[in-house]
């Protein structure tokens, strides 16, 4: 009987170690790298697009690189926290749920770009296009970076 108990506890331990391959510390590192990558990509795009598009200084969202950085950092942090919650509570389908939520959020974030931003002084269609591309860059990097972590 003790042999059965020993084999059951041995098989239980090996199962526990294989399912605990997920690490919150590793996720935190991935989250920080993802946030940094999204910010860096948008900052680089901000300067590259400035070569082709003359930013109007009166148009504050593209007045300097700090606005795109701020509007990338905060949503990226919220996304990392949301995905952490999904990993904790949804587990198996966290990546799918997060990807669907990300797609919906991406579409919603474009609404002001096409409704409100055209009414702002100093804006051009090219600047609106830059903002839309920045949204796409951030969405792609954040979604791909965070969903690379699976539970």
Protein backbone atom coordinates (compact mmCIF):
# COMPACT_ATOMS: atom_id res chain seq x y z
CA UNK A 1 0.00 0.00 0.00
CA UNK A 2 2.86 2.40 0.72
CA UNK A 3 4.25 1.73 -2.75
CA UNK A 4 0.95 2.90 -4.25
CA UNK A 5 0.97 6.01 -2.09
CA UNK A 6 4.57 6.77 -3.07
CA UNK A 7 3.83 6.37 -6.79
CA UNK A 8 0.72 8.56 -6.49
CA UNK A 9 2.63 11.33 -4.73
CA UNK A 10 5.48 11.09 -7.25
CA UNK A 11 3.09 11.35 -10.18
CA UNK A 12 1.27 14.24 -8.49
CA UNK A 13 4.51 16.16 -7.97
CA UNK A 14 5.64 15.77 -11.58
CA UNK A 15 2.25 16.99 -12.81
CA UNK A 16 2.41 19.98 -10.48
CA UNK A 17 5.83 20.98 -11.77
CA UNK A 18 4.82 20.70 -15.41
CA UNK A 19 1.74 22.89 -14.95
CA UNK A 20 3.62 25.49 -12.90
CA UNK A 21 5.90 26.40 -15.81
CA UNK A 22 4.14 29.75 -15.83
CA UNK A 23 5.98 32.43 -13.87
CA UNK A 24 4.52 35.77 -12.81
CA UNK A 25 8.05 37.14 -12.69
CA UNK A 26 8.65 36.15 -16.30
CA UNK A 27 5.28 37.66 -17.24
CA UNK A 28 6.21 40.94 -15.54
CA UNK A 29 9.44 41.02 -17.54
CA UNK A 30 7.58 40.28 -20.75
CA UNK A 31 5.03 42.97 -19.92
CA UNK A 32 7.73 45.56 -19.33
CA UNK A 33 9.54 44.58 -22.54
CA UNK A 34 6.29 44.77 -24.48
CA UNK A 35 5.49 48.22 -23.10
CA UNK A 36 9.03 49.38 -23.90
CA UNK A 37 8.90 47.94 -27.42
CA UNK A 38 5.57 49.63 -28.17
CA UNK A 39 6.83 52.98 -26.88
CA UNK A 40 10.12 52.70 -28.77
CA UNK A 41 8.38 51.68 -32.01
CA UNK A 42 5.97 54.60 -31.81
CA UNK A 43 8.77 57.04 -30.98
CA UNK A 44 10.81 55.82 -33.95
CA UNK A 45 7.77 56.01 -36.21
CA UNK A 46 7.04 59.54 -34.93
CA UNK A 47 10.46 60.71 -36.14
CA UNK A 48 10.41 58.69 -39.38
CA UNK A 49 6.96 59.98 -40.33
CA UNK A 50 8.14 63.53 -39.63
CA UNK A 51 10.41 63.19 -42.66
CA UNK A 52 7.40 62.69 -44.95
CA UNK A 53 4.72 64.65 -43.05
CA UNK A 54 5.20 68.21 -41.86
CA UNK A 55 3.72 68.26 -38.36
CA UNK A 56 1.90 71.48 -37.56
CA UNK A 57 3.16 72.79 -34.19
CA UNK A 58 -0.41 73.84 -33.31
CA UNK A 59 -1.52 70.19 -33.50
CA UNK A 60 -0.63 69.05 -29.97
CA UNK A 61 -0.93 65.25 -30.37
CA UNK A 62 2.09 65.43 -32.70
CA UNK A 63 3.65 68.58 -31.23
CA UNK A 64 6.51 66.53 -29.79
CA UNK A 65 7.29 62.90 -29.06
CA UNK A 66 6.06 63.03 -25.46
CA UNK A 67 2.36 62.86 -26.40
CA UNK A 68 2.70 59.62 -28.42
CA UNK A 69 4.83 58.16 -25.62
CA UNK A 70 2.27 59.00 -22.94
CA UNK A 71 -0.61 57.74 -25.07
CA UNK A 72 1.27 54.49 -25.62
CA UNK A 73 2.53 53.85 -22.08
CA UNK A 74 -0.76 54.15 -20.21
CA UNK A 75 -2.85 51.91 -22.49
CA UNK A 76 0.01 49.39 -22.62
CA UNK A 77 0.16 49.22 -18.82
CA UNK A 78 -3.61 48.73 -18.66
CA UNK A 79 -3.36 46.01 -21.32
CA UNK A 80 -0.61 44.22 -19.37
CA UNK A 81 -2.71 44.30 -16.21
CA UNK A 82 -5.81 43.14 -18.09
CA UNK A 83 -3.95 40.22 -19.66
CA UNK A 84 -2.53 39.29 -16.25
CA UNK A 85 -6.09 39.14 -14.93
CA UNK A 86 -7.17 37.03 -17.88
CA UNK A 87 -4.24 34.68 -17.31
CA UNK A 88 -5.30 34.36 -13.69
CA UNK A 89 -9.03 33.88 -14.17
CA UNK A 90 -9.67 32.73 -17.76
CA UNK A 91 -6.42 30.76 -18.08
CA UNK A 92 -6.88 28.46 -21.06
CA UNK A 93 -8.48 31.01 -23.41
CA UNK A 94 -6.79 34.15 -22.09
CA UNK A 95 -4.91 34.86 -25.33
CA UNK A 96 -8.04 34.50 -27.46
CA UNK A 97 -10.15 36.68 -25.17
CA UNK A 98 -7.38 39.30 -24.99
CA UNK A 99 -6.94 39.32 -28.78
CA UNK A 100 -10.67 39.88 -29.32
CA UNK A 101 -10.73 42.64 -26.69
CA UNK A 102 -7.65 44.20 -28.30
CA UNK A 103 -9.28 44.24 -31.73
CA UNK A 104 -12.42 45.88 -30.33
CA UNK A 105 -10.34 48.41 -28.39
CA UNK A 106 -8.29 49.21 -31.49
CA UNK A 107 -11.43 50.01 -33.47
CA UNK A 108 -12.81 52.13 -30.61
CA UNK A 109 -9.55 54.11 -30.36
CA UNK A 110 -9.85 55.02 -34.02
CA UNK A 111 -13.23 56.71 -33.52
CA UNK A 112 -11.76 59.99 -32.16
CA UNK A 113 -9.14 59.96 -34.92
CA UNK A 114 -11.90 60.11 -37.52
CA UNK A 115 -14.49 62.17 -35.65
CA UNK A 116 -12.85 64.61 -33.23
CA UNK A 117 -9.27 65.00 -34.51
CA UNK A 118 -10.32 66.43 -37.92
CA UNK A 119 -11.91 69.35 -36.07
CA UNK A 120 -8.68 70.28 -34.22
CA UNK A 121 -6.78 73.32 -35.49
CA UNK A 122 -3.69 72.60 -37.56
CA UNK A 123 -4.44 68.99 -38.38
CA UNK A 124 -4.00 67.50 -41.83
CA UNK A 125 -5.08 64.18 -43.29
CA UNK A 126 -1.45 63.07 -43.26
CA UNK A 127 -1.21 63.74 -39.53
CA UNK A 128 -4.40 61.76 -38.95
CA UNK A 129 -2.83 58.91 -40.92
CA UNK A 130 0.25 59.08 -38.68
CA UNK A 131 -1.97 58.78 -35.60
CA UNK A 132 -3.83 55.81 -37.08
CA UNK A 133 -0.57 54.03 -37.90
CA UNK A 134 0.68 54.70 -34.36
CA UNK A 135 -2.48 53.08 -32.99
CA UNK A 136 -1.89 50.06 -35.23
CA UNK A 137 1.78 49.79 -34.21
CA UNK A 138 0.94 49.90 -30.52
CA UNK A 139 -1.95 47.44 -30.87
CA UNK A 140 0.10 44.93 -32.84
CA UNK A 141 3.13 45.02 -30.54
CA UNK A 142 1.13 44.94 -27.32
CA UNK A 143 -1.17 42.13 -28.44
CA UNK A 144 1.63 40.00 -29.86
CA UNK A 145 4.01 40.67 -27.00
CA UNK A 146 1.60 39.90 -24.19
CA UNK A 147 -0.09 36.89 -25.80
CA UNK A 148 3.31 35.27 -26.30
CA UNK A 149 2.94 34.33 -22.63
CA UNK A 150 0.57 31.40 -22.25
CA UNK A 151 -0.61 29.65 -19.13
